[in-house]
Protein backbone atom coordinates (compact mmCIF):
# COMPACT_ATOMS: atom_id res chain seq x y z
CA MET A 1 19.16 131.04 150.31
CA GLU A 2 16.22 131.02 147.95
CA GLU A 3 12.84 130.26 149.57
CA ARG A 4 11.31 127.07 148.13
CA GLU A 5 7.62 126.34 147.79
CA LYS A 6 6.28 123.95 150.42
CA ALA A 7 4.37 120.97 149.09
CA LEU A 8 2.00 118.58 150.84
CA LEU A 9 1.87 115.18 149.13
CA VAL A 10 -1.35 113.17 149.15
CA GLY A 11 -1.91 109.57 148.06
CA ALA A 12 -4.64 106.93 148.17
CA ASP A 13 -3.36 103.42 148.97
CA THR A 14 -5.71 101.08 147.11
CA GLY A 15 -3.53 98.02 147.66
CA GLU A 16 -1.12 98.47 144.77
CA GLU A 17 2.27 96.91 145.45
CA ASP A 18 4.23 99.99 144.42
CA PHE A 19 2.32 102.57 146.50
CA GLU A 20 5.19 103.45 148.85
CA ARG A 21 7.59 103.59 145.94
CA SER A 22 5.19 105.79 144.00
CA MET A 23 4.89 108.24 146.92
CA LYS A 24 8.67 108.42 147.27
CA GLU A 25 8.91 109.10 143.56
CA LEU A 26 6.29 111.85 143.91
CA GLY A 27 8.55 113.51 146.48
CA ASP A 28 11.49 113.25 144.09
CA LEU A 29 9.37 114.81 141.35
CA ALA A 30 8.42 117.68 143.66
CA GLY A 31 12.10 118.18 144.45
CA ALA A 32 12.93 118.18 140.73
CA CYS A 33 10.36 120.96 140.38
CA GLY A 34 12.15 123.05 143.02
CA MET A 35 9.70 122.34 145.85
CA LYS A 36 10.29 121.25 149.44
CA VAL A 37 8.17 118.36 150.73
CA ALA A 38 6.64 119.68 153.97
CA GLY A 39 4.43 116.68 154.72
CA ILE A 40 2.74 113.53 153.42
CA ALA A 41 -0.88 112.44 153.88
CA THR A 42 -2.11 109.00 152.81
CA GLN A 43 -5.33 107.03 153.11
CA LYS A 44 -6.01 103.32 152.71
CA MET A 45 -9.00 102.81 150.40
CA GLU A 46 -10.53 99.99 148.40
CA SER A 47 -11.11 102.39 145.52
CA VAL A 48 -10.68 106.11 144.97
CA ASN A 49 -13.54 108.54 145.66
CA LYS A 50 -15.10 109.68 142.37
CA ALA A 51 -15.77 113.18 143.67
CA PHE A 52 -12.59 113.92 145.67
CA TYR A 53 -10.15 111.05 144.93
CA ILE A 54 -9.77 110.68 148.74
CA GLY A 55 -12.59 110.35 151.27
CA THR A 56 -14.59 113.44 152.26
CA GLY A 57 -13.34 113.24 155.85
CA LYS A 58 -9.75 113.02 154.62
CA VAL A 59 -10.29 116.12 152.51
CA TYR A 60 -10.92 118.12 155.71
CA GLU A 61 -7.81 116.59 157.34
CA VAL A 62 -5.70 117.52 154.31
CA LYS A 63 -7.09 121.05 154.40
CA GLU A 64 -6.13 121.48 158.07
CA TYR A 65 -2.75 119.78 157.60
CA ALA A 66 -1.95 122.09 154.69
CA ARG A 67 -2.93 125.09 156.81
CA THR A 68 -0.73 123.93 159.70
CA LEU A 69 2.24 123.32 157.41
CA GLU A 70 1.61 126.58 155.54
CA ALA A 71 1.86 124.50 152.36
CA ASP A 72 1.89 126.48 149.12
CA VAL A 73 0.58 123.59 147.04
CA VAL A 74 -1.07 120.18 147.53
CA ILE A 75 0.08 117.45 145.15
CA PHE A 76 -1.85 114.22 144.51
CA ASP A 77 -0.10 111.04 143.41
CA ASN A 78 -2.34 110.26 140.48
CA SER A 79 -4.09 111.95 137.59
CA LEU A 80 -7.21 113.72 138.84
CA THR A 81 -10.37 114.07 136.79
CA PRO A 82 -11.55 117.62 136.01
CA SER A 83 -14.34 117.32 138.60
CA GLN A 84 -11.99 115.97 141.29
CA LEU A 85 -9.56 118.79 140.63
CA ARG A 86 -12.33 121.37 140.81
CA ASN A 87 -13.86 119.91 143.99
CA LEU A 88 -10.54 119.64 145.81
CA GLN A 89 -9.54 123.16 144.85
CA LYS A 90 -12.83 124.46 146.24
CA GLU A 91 -12.67 122.50 149.51
CA ILE A 92 -8.95 122.82 150.33
CA GLY A 93 -8.58 126.38 149.10
CA ARG A 94 -5.00 125.97 147.90
CA PRO A 95 -3.43 125.25 144.49
CA ILE A 96 -3.88 121.58 143.58
CA LEU A 97 -1.56 119.63 141.30
CA ASP A 98 -1.85 116.02 140.19
CA ARG A 99 1.04 113.81 139.10
CA THR A 100 0.52 114.65 135.43
CA ALA A 101 0.56 118.42 136.01
CA LEU A 102 3.69 118.11 138.15
CA ILE A 103 5.57 116.19 135.45
CA LEU A 104 4.43 118.76 132.87
CA ASP A 105 5.78 121.56 135.09
CA ILE A 106 9.15 119.78 135.35
CA PHE A 107 9.27 119.38 131.58
CA SER A 108 8.52 123.10 131.21
CA LEU A 109 11.47 123.93 133.47
CA ARG A 110 13.86 121.56 131.68
CA ALA A 111 12.95 122.31 128.05
CA LYS A 112 15.84 124.13 126.40
CA THR A 113 15.58 123.67 122.63
CA ARG A 114 12.82 125.13 120.49
CA GLU A 115 11.47 121.66 119.73
CA ALA A 116 11.27 120.61 123.38
CA LYS A 117 9.53 123.86 124.34
CA LEU A 118 6.96 123.40 121.58
CA GLN A 119 6.35 119.78 122.57
CA VAL A 120 5.84 120.62 126.24
CA GLU A 121 3.53 123.54 125.49
CA ALA A 122 1.40 121.29 123.27
CA ALA A 123 1.16 118.65 125.99
CA LYS A 124 0.20 121.23 128.64
CA LEU A 125 -2.51 122.73 126.44
CA GLN A 126 -3.96 119.29 125.72
CA TYR A 127 -4.00 118.61 129.46
CA LEU A 128 -5.68 121.97 130.18
CA GLN A 129 -8.19 121.52 127.37
CA SER A 130 -9.91 118.61 129.12
CA ARG A 131 -10.10 120.55 132.38
CA LEU A 132 -11.77 123.75 131.20
CA VAL A 133 -15.31 122.66 132.04
CA GLY A 134 -16.48 124.19 135.27
CA MET A 135 -13.38 126.36 135.77
CA HIS A 136 -15.53 129.48 135.53
CA ASP A 137 -18.29 128.57 137.99
CA ALA A 138 -17.75 131.84 139.81
CA LEU A 139 -18.90 133.78 136.76
CA THR A 140 -22.59 134.46 136.25
CA ARG A 141 -24.67 132.39 133.83
CA GLN A 142 -27.81 133.43 132.06
CA GLY A 143 -30.32 131.53 129.98
CA GLY A 144 -31.05 132.27 126.37
CA ALA A 145 -31.67 130.80 122.98
CA SER A 146 -28.94 128.56 121.65
CA GLY A 147 -26.73 129.78 118.87
CA SER A 148 -25.05 133.16 119.23
CA MET A 149 -22.39 133.99 121.78
CA SER A 150 -24.44 137.02 122.86
CA SER A 151 -27.10 134.77 124.38
CA ARG A 152 -24.64 133.00 126.67
CA GLY A 153 -23.71 133.76 130.26
CA GLU A 154 -20.28 135.16 131.18
CA GLY A 155 -19.07 131.73 132.28
CA GLU A 156 -20.08 130.13 129.01
CA LYS A 157 -18.50 132.95 126.99
CA LYS A 158 -15.21 132.65 128.91
CA LEU A 159 -15.19 128.88 128.50
CA GLU A 160 -15.82 129.11 124.76
CA LEU A 161 -13.17 131.79 124.29
CA ASP A 162 -10.62 129.76 126.24
CA ARG A 163 -11.39 126.71 124.12
CA ARG A 164 -10.92 128.69 120.94
CA ARG A 165 -7.61 130.17 122.14
CA ILE A 166 -6.29 126.72 123.03
CA GLU A 167 -7.42 125.21 119.72
CA ARG A 168 -5.86 128.08 117.79
CA ARG A 169 -2.58 127.80 119.68
CA LEU A 170 -2.53 123.98 119.31
CA THR A 171 -2.98 124.39 115.56
CA GLU A 172 -0.01 126.80 115.49
CA LEU A 173 2.09 124.41 117.59
CA ARG A 174 1.29 121.44 115.36
CA ARG A 175 2.35 123.47 112.31
CA GLU A 176 5.63 124.52 113.96
CA LEU A 177 6.33 120.99 115.18
CA GLU A 178 5.73 119.63 111.68
CA GLU A 179 8.41 122.02 110.38
CA VAL A 180 10.85 120.93 113.09
CA GLU A 181 10.02 117.29 112.39
CA LYS A 182 10.78 117.80 108.68
CA GLU A 183 14.19 119.19 109.62
CA ARG A 184 14.77 116.23 111.93
CA LYS A 185 13.77 113.74 109.21
CA THR A 186 16.13 115.45 106.75
CA GLN A 187 18.97 115.04 109.26
CA GLY A 188 17.84 111.46 109.88
CA LYS A 189 17.91 110.66 106.17
CA ARG A 190 21.47 111.94 105.97
CA ARG A 191 22.41 109.69 108.87
CA MET A 192 20.53 106.78 107.32
CA SER A 193 22.35 107.22 103.99
CA ALA A 194 25.65 107.15 105.86
CA ARG A 195 25.69 103.55 107.03
CA ILE A 196 26.82 104.19 110.59
CA PRO A 197 25.05 102.01 113.20
CA LYS A 198 22.64 103.93 115.44
CA VAL A 199 22.49 103.12 119.15
CA SER A 200 19.97 104.74 121.52
CA LEU A 201 20.10 104.98 125.30
CA VAL A 202 16.69 104.33 126.87
CA GLY A 203 15.52 103.67 130.39
CA TYR A 204 13.97 105.03 133.55
CA THR A 205 14.67 108.64 134.41
CA ASN A 206 17.82 109.13 136.52
CA ALA A 207 19.17 105.66 135.71
CA GLY A 208 22.42 107.20 134.43
CA LYS A 209 21.94 107.45 130.65
CA SER A 210 23.62 110.85 130.32
CA THR A 211 26.51 109.79 132.56
CA LEU A 212 27.04 106.69 130.42
CA MET A 213 27.00 108.79 127.25
CA ASN A 214 29.67 111.12 128.66
CA ARG A 215 31.88 108.18 129.74
CA MET A 216 31.59 106.72 126.23
CA MET A 217 32.59 110.08 124.76
CA GLU A 218 35.59 110.36 127.09
CA ARG A 219 36.75 106.85 126.21
CA TYR A 220 35.95 106.85 122.50
CA LEU A 221 35.96 110.50 121.47
CA CYS A 222 35.32 111.20 117.79
CA GLY A 223 36.07 114.87 117.22
CA GLU A 224 35.21 117.73 119.58
CA GLU A 225 31.82 116.64 120.88
CA LYS A 226 29.99 118.57 123.60
CA LYS A 227 29.11 116.57 126.70
CA VAL A 228 25.50 116.27 127.86
CA LEU A 229 24.22 117.39 131.25
CA GLU A 230 24.47 114.71 133.92
CA LYS A 231 22.77 115.33 137.26
CA ASP A 232 21.28 113.20 140.05
CA MET A 233 17.75 114.41 139.37
CA LEU A 234 14.59 113.13 137.69
CA PHE A 235 14.29 114.41 134.10
CA ALA A 236 17.56 116.37 134.27
CA THR A 237 17.62 116.40 130.45
CA LEU A 238 14.83 116.33 127.88
CA ASP A 239 16.47 117.13 124.58
CA THR A 240 17.74 114.30 122.43
CA ALA A 241 21.51 114.46 121.93
CA VAL A 242 23.29 112.51 119.17
CA ARG A 243 27.06 112.02 119.32
CA ARG A 244 29.45 110.26 116.94
CA ILE A 245 31.53 107.72 118.86
CA ASP A 246 34.74 106.16 117.46
CA MET A 247 35.11 102.74 119.06
CA GLY A 248 38.39 101.86 117.36
CA ASN A 249 39.38 99.88 114.27
CA GLY A 250 37.17 102.11 112.15
CA ARG A 251 34.08 101.10 114.11
CA GLU A 252 31.89 104.15 114.64
CA ILE A 253 28.39 104.49 116.05
CA LEU A 254 25.88 107.30 116.44
CA LEU A 255 24.90 107.27 120.12
CA SER A 256 21.73 109.12 121.14
CA ASP A 257 20.53 110.06 124.62
CA THR A 258 16.74 110.39 124.93
CA VAL A 259 14.21 111.56 127.51
CA GLY A 260 13.81 109.20 130.46
CA PHE A 261 10.68 107.20 131.21
CA ILE A 262 8.68 107.03 134.44
CA ARG A 263 5.59 105.33 135.86
CA ARG A 264 2.41 106.77 134.44
CA LEU A 265 4.27 109.06 132.05
CA PRO A 266 1.46 111.31 130.72
CA HIS A 267 0.21 110.01 127.39
CA GLY A 268 0.14 113.59 126.10
CA LEU A 269 3.89 113.85 126.67
CA VAL A 270 4.59 110.58 124.87
CA LYS A 271 2.45 111.84 122.00
CA ALA A 272 4.04 115.31 121.99
CA PHE A 273 7.57 113.86 122.06
CA ARG A 274 6.87 111.34 119.29
CA SER A 275 9.24 113.07 116.84
CA THR A 276 12.03 113.15 119.44
CA LEU A 277 11.48 109.46 120.13
CA GLU A 278 11.96 108.72 116.42
CA GLU A 279 15.66 108.42 117.33
CA VAL A 280 14.70 105.37 119.37
CA LYS A 281 12.47 103.85 116.68
CA ASN A 282 15.20 104.21 114.05
CA ALA A 283 17.96 102.70 116.19
CA ASP A 284 19.80 99.51 115.27
CA LEU A 285 20.37 98.74 118.94
CA LEU A 286 18.91 99.96 122.26
CA LEU A 287 20.84 100.19 125.52
CA CYS A 288 18.29 99.85 128.33
CA VAL A 289 20.06 101.59 131.22
CA VAL A 290 18.89 100.28 134.61
CA ASP A 291 19.65 101.63 138.10
CA TYR A 292 20.87 98.34 139.59
CA SER A 293 21.23 99.91 143.05
CA ASP A 294 17.47 100.52 143.15
CA GLU A 295 15.63 97.59 144.72
CA ASP A 296 12.75 98.33 142.36
CA HIS A 297 14.89 98.05 139.21
CA LYS A 298 12.79 95.19 137.77
CA GLN A 299 9.76 97.48 137.77
CA GLN A 300 11.85 100.16 136.03
CA ILE A 301 12.63 97.67 133.28
CA ALA A 302 8.92 96.83 132.95
CA VAL A 303 8.01 100.52 132.62
CA THR A 304 10.71 101.00 129.97
CA GLU A 305 9.53 97.98 127.98
CA GLU A 306 5.90 99.15 128.17
CA THR A 307 6.86 102.61 126.89
CA LEU A 308 8.93 101.13 124.06
CA LEU A 309 5.92 99.04 123.08
CA GLU A 310 3.75 102.17 123.08
CA ILE A 311 6.07 104.06 120.71
CA GLY A 312 6.57 101.06 118.40
CA ALA A 313 10.17 100.22 119.34
CA ALA A 314 9.68 96.93 121.20
CA ASP A 315 11.23 94.73 118.49
CA ILE A 316 14.61 96.48 118.30
CA PRO A 317 17.56 94.42 119.68
CA MET A 318 18.49 95.53 123.20
CA ILE A 319 21.30 95.22 125.72
CA TYR A 320 20.29 95.60 129.38
CA VAL A 321 22.93 97.80 131.04
CA TYR A 322 22.76 97.43 134.83
CA ASN A 323 24.32 100.71 135.97
CA LYS A 324 25.38 101.94 139.44
CA ALA A 325 26.48 98.42 140.36
CA ASP A 326 29.29 100.01 142.40
CA LEU A 327 26.65 101.26 144.85
CA CYS A 328 25.60 97.69 145.70
CA GLY A 329 28.58 96.93 147.95
CA MET A 330 30.59 95.37 145.14
CA GLU A 331 33.65 97.62 145.22
CA THR A 332 35.94 94.82 146.43
CA GLU A 333 34.18 91.85 144.88
CA GLY A 334 34.00 93.36 141.41
CA LEU A 335 30.94 93.73 139.23
CA PRO A 336 28.65 90.71 138.83
CA CYS A 337 28.53 88.95 135.48
CA PHE A 338 25.51 87.78 133.52
CA THR A 339 25.43 84.87 131.13
CA GLY A 340 24.56 85.63 127.52
CA THR A 341 25.20 88.63 125.34
CA ASP A 342 22.35 90.97 126.26
CA LYS A 343 23.11 91.88 129.90
CA ILE A 344 26.05 93.61 131.57
CA CYS A 345 26.83 95.31 134.89
CA ILE A 346 28.72 98.60 134.80
CA SER A 347 29.42 101.76 136.74
CA ALA A 348 29.14 104.73 134.41
CA ARG A 349 30.39 106.98 137.20
CA SER A 350 33.70 105.15 137.67
CA GLY A 351 34.01 103.78 134.15
CA GLN A 352 33.97 100.11 135.21
CA GLY A 353 32.62 97.83 132.51
CA ILE A 354 32.64 100.48 129.75
CA GLU A 355 35.14 98.60 127.57
CA GLU A 356 33.22 95.35 127.95
CA LEU A 357 29.99 97.17 127.00
CA ALA A 358 31.70 98.67 123.95
CA GLY A 359 32.72 95.17 122.88
CA MET A 360 29.12 93.96 123.21
CA ILE A 361 27.86 96.92 121.17
CA LYS A 362 30.36 96.25 118.38
CA ASP A 363 29.48 92.56 118.30
CA LYS A 364 25.78 93.43 117.99
CA VAL A 365 25.77 96.30 115.47
CA TYR A 366 28.64 95.05 113.31
CA ALA A 367 27.41 91.44 113.11
CA ASP A 368 26.35 92.02 109.48
CA TYR A 369 29.68 93.56 108.43
CA VAL A 370 32.29 91.66 106.42
CA GLN A 371 35.74 92.45 105.08
CA ALA A 372 36.00 92.76 101.31
CA GLU A 373 38.60 93.79 98.75
CA PHE A 374 37.26 95.99 95.93
CA LEU A 375 38.82 97.09 92.64
CA PHE A 376 37.07 100.13 91.15
CA PRO A 377 37.80 101.56 87.67
CA TYR A 378 39.06 105.13 87.89
CA GLU A 379 35.85 106.48 86.39
CA LYS A 380 33.90 105.14 89.41
CA GLY A 381 35.04 107.95 91.68
CA ARG A 382 31.53 108.47 93.16
CA GLU A 383 31.35 104.85 94.34
CA VAL A 384 34.84 105.10 95.83
CA SER A 385 33.91 108.30 97.71
CA TRP A 386 30.73 106.69 99.09
CA LEU A 387 32.64 103.65 100.33
CA MET A 388 35.34 105.84 101.90
CA GLU A 389 32.68 107.70 103.90
CA ASN A 390 30.45 104.76 104.84
CA ALA A 391 32.77 101.82 105.38
CA SER A 392 35.72 101.09 107.63
CA VAL A 393 38.56 101.38 105.09
CA HIS A 394 41.80 99.57 105.96
CA THR A 395 43.80 100.28 102.80
CA ARG A 396 43.44 102.26 99.58
CA GLU A 397 45.90 101.74 96.74
CA TYR A 398 46.07 103.23 93.24
CA LEU A 399 46.94 100.52 90.74
CA PRO A 400 47.27 100.67 86.94
CA GLU A 401 43.96 98.81 86.56
CA GLY A 402 42.04 100.87 89.13
CA ILE A 403 41.59 101.80 92.81
CA SER A 404 42.02 98.91 95.26
CA ILE A 405 40.17 99.23 98.59
CA VAL A 406 40.11 96.79 101.49
CA ALA A 407 37.28 97.65 103.87
CA ASP A 408 34.83 96.34 106.43
CA CYS A 409 31.36 97.08 105.11
CA HIS A 410 27.75 96.04 105.51
CA ARG A 411 26.65 92.93 103.63
CA ALA A 412 24.10 95.05 101.76
CA ASP A 413 26.96 97.14 100.36
CA THR A 414 28.85 94.07 99.19
CA GLY A 415 25.77 93.20 97.17
CA LYS A 416 25.53 96.77 95.90
CA TYR A 417 29.11 96.72 94.64
CA ALA A 418 29.41 92.97 93.99
CA GLU A 419 30.82 93.40 90.47
CA TYR A 420 33.88 95.22 91.91
CA ILE A 421 34.70 92.64 94.62
CA VAL A 422 37.99 90.85 94.15
CA HIS A 423 37.95 88.90 97.41
CA MET A 424 35.65 88.67 100.42
CA GLY A 425 36.67 87.23 103.77
């Protein structure tokens, strides 16, 4: 069996309601990074210590605890300032990670596509860039006139060279990401021109988005579509997957699975993944997948809504999908029902509630679709082809006076081809 790194988790309880939950989540994050949680150390404080995050006496305790546990790494449940990171590293004498660095490491492990790898590397370099100061204290420094590199000490030279390397690499990454983003926008324009409703799965990490996507594909398969990875693990998937789903009666949607959200998701990651999250911003409908079996599911919803607001997607219509309801002791009673049209309980694992959810999706995204009968002259072949590809066509008949088509189409298209409409229901 492969030996796993031992991690000691450290947190400062400043009275926040979600402290215990946050520490549990930190352990799950460590596990997702392939580490074994060897121990946990916490301290109640009114406010964090500016120099060490925890109190100076607690620093010594953590050092001894880490030595006793033979911990390979000490992980803090918050973002540490550069000076805190440097001071802790010096006093404890073991590798120190904060919550942000841990999430970045997980993203590095999970990134599979070229775009995801570029995005993660950019976020890690931005994180490192702010923590360069003082990293070379062990190197000698010497005074000298300002200006040339030759007058600087070894520490200053190393710091400046590291800064330049990071800036140069970040410039290269931005250029490569711009190229990938252009390709993505080209694909997006093609999807936009084809008037197929776009639905995006959003929500807290490990809420079951990928499982729901696979159940939808099994139930409403449109062609040979590859399933996405589903695993009971935080951030099991990072790459956005888009699948074409046939929901019957000519009703198709483009369903996308996106990266999950989490408390204190590093801003650099949100910024780096902005192009990936364009799928969310361009959606006609969002499915906010919630782990209903988690007692903290209301907080998960709040985190999701805050993140959507940050990326500019807060105004998109949304259905709240309460997943894993079968884990709440409801196997015999059946799934609970909500009033209204924007909430539903399901079990993506067992498939319960999938058909009802599909009905809600169709009602939402096809609300602006109407049935119309068109009669196109034979010379309007281009218009006929466009309608065949972008509308739900019920019948097509070749008559002496032209091509008759009965189809469900978007109201905007009925206006576009109004002169050819014979009847509209």
